[in-house]
């Protein structure tokens, strides 16, 4: 996706996930906001608080699986996908891990 050209009237918003190095940048023009609404920053998650990221050690503790089993099940499509939290660190969304655990209890 191409970035918009730099302009004096371009508004830039940066959102960072607390406790991680993730930052999301939004570009918008002043005309994009409806005149009858208050212009308040909206998180990328659609208005709710950003999902917490948890590392591999926490995932191992919550699931009882080894690192190798987590990666093997992820490759097989049976476990939530990890994301790159930084150059040398991966993490999972806490809600996806909780949903995976809940589905295992049911089925």
Protein backbone atom coordinates (compact mmCIF):
# COMPACT_ATOMS: atom_id res chain seq x y z
CA UNK A 1 0.00 0.00 0.00
CA UNK A 2 1.46 3.33 -1.02
CA UNK A 3 1.92 5.99 1.59
CA UNK A 4 0.20 9.32 0.96
CA UNK A 5 2.43 12.11 -0.22
CA UNK A 6 3.68 14.47 2.46
CA UNK A 7 1.52 17.55 2.74
CA UNK A 8 1.17 20.40 5.19
CA UNK A 9 -2.44 19.45 5.89
CA UNK A 10 -1.73 15.74 6.47
CA UNK A 11 -2.39 14.59 10.04
CA UNK A 12 -0.26 11.76 11.39
CA UNK A 13 -1.27 9.68 14.41
CA UNK A 14 0.98 7.19 16.15
CA UNK A 15 -0.42 4.45 18.38
CA UNK A 16 1.81 2.22 20.45
CA UNK A 17 0.90 -0.96 22.29
CA UNK A 18 1.78 -0.60 25.99
CA UNK A 19 4.59 -2.91 27.07
CA UNK A 20 5.80 -3.62 23.53
CA UNK A 21 7.75 -2.02 20.73
CA UNK A 22 4.77 -2.06 18.30
CA UNK A 23 3.75 1.28 16.83
CA UNK A 24 1.00 1.87 14.26
CA UNK A 25 0.94 5.03 12.16
CA UNK A 26 -2.24 6.48 10.65
CA UNK A 27 -2.35 9.14 7.95
CA UNK A 28 -5.46 11.19 7.40
CA UNK A 29 -6.53 14.54 6.04
CA UNK A 30 -8.56 17.06 8.06
CA UNK A 31 -11.52 16.67 5.67
CA UNK A 32 -11.80 12.97 6.60
CA UNK A 33 -13.44 13.86 9.94
CA UNK A 34 -17.17 14.60 9.97
CA UNK A 35 -17.81 18.21 11.08
CA UNK A 36 -20.54 17.22 13.58
CA UNK A 37 -18.34 14.73 15.46
CA UNK A 38 -15.64 15.37 17.98
CA UNK A 39 -12.22 14.51 16.67
CA UNK A 40 -10.90 12.03 19.18
CA UNK A 41 -8.20 9.47 18.53
CA UNK A 42 -9.61 6.00 17.93
CA UNK A 43 -7.32 3.05 18.61
CA UNK A 44 -6.70 0.70 15.66
CA UNK A 45 -8.86 -1.95 17.35
CA UNK A 46 -12.05 -0.02 16.58
CA UNK A 47 -12.55 1.78 19.90
CA UNK A 48 -11.68 -0.91 22.42
CA UNK A 49 -8.38 -1.15 24.27
CA UNK A 50 -5.56 -2.82 22.34
CA UNK A 51 -5.12 -6.53 22.95
CA UNK A 52 -2.24 -7.48 25.23
CA UNK A 53 0.73 -9.31 23.70
CA UNK A 54 2.25 -12.23 25.59
CA UNK A 55 5.61 -13.86 25.00
CA UNK A 56 6.50 -17.48 24.43
CA UNK A 57 7.28 -18.19 28.10
CA UNK A 58 3.83 -16.97 29.16
CA UNK A 59 2.21 -18.96 26.35
CA UNK A 60 4.08 -22.09 27.48
CA UNK A 61 2.93 -21.54 31.06
CA UNK A 62 -0.74 -20.98 30.11
CA UNK A 63 -1.01 -23.84 27.63
CA UNK A 64 1.31 -26.41 29.20
CA UNK A 65 2.92 -26.98 25.78
CA UNK A 66 6.61 -26.93 24.94
CA UNK A 67 8.05 -24.35 22.55
CA UNK A 68 8.53 -27.01 19.86
CA UNK A 69 4.92 -28.20 20.18
CA UNK A 70 3.62 -24.62 19.98
CA UNK A 71 5.55 -23.97 16.76
CA UNK A 72 4.62 -27.37 15.30
CA UNK A 73 0.91 -26.83 15.97
CA UNK A 74 1.14 -23.29 14.61
CA UNK A 75 2.61 -24.59 11.33
CA UNK A 76 -0.19 -27.18 11.16
CA UNK A 77 -2.82 -24.44 11.61
CA UNK A 78 -3.94 -25.78 15.00
CA UNK A 79 -2.58 -22.90 17.13
CA UNK A 80 -2.83 -19.08 16.86
CA UNK A 81 -0.17 -17.41 14.72
CA UNK A 82 2.59 -15.46 16.39
CA UNK A 83 3.56 -11.92 15.41
CA UNK A 84 6.95 -10.24 15.43
CA UNK A 85 6.91 -7.98 18.49
CA UNK A 86 10.41 -6.74 17.66
CA UNK A 87 13.42 -7.84 15.65
CA UNK A 88 14.28 -10.72 17.98
CA UNK A 89 11.02 -11.40 19.81
CA UNK A 90 7.70 -12.99 18.94
CA UNK A 91 4.42 -12.74 20.80
CA UNK A 92 0.79 -13.83 20.62
CA UNK A 93 -2.39 -11.89 21.23
CA UNK A 94 -3.69 -12.80 24.68
CA UNK A 95 -7.29 -13.03 23.46
CA UNK A 96 -6.33 -15.58 20.77
CA UNK A 97 -4.49 -17.76 23.30
CA UNK A 98 -7.44 -17.53 25.72
CA UNK A 99 -9.86 -18.49 22.93
CA UNK A 100 -7.64 -21.44 21.95
CA UNK A 101 -7.55 -22.65 25.57
CA UNK A 102 -11.35 -22.26 25.89
CA UNK A 103 -11.91 -24.21 22.66
CA UNK A 104 -9.74 -27.04 23.96
CA UNK A 105 -11.81 -27.23 27.16
CA UNK A 106 -15.05 -27.50 25.21
CA UNK A 107 -13.93 -29.95 22.56
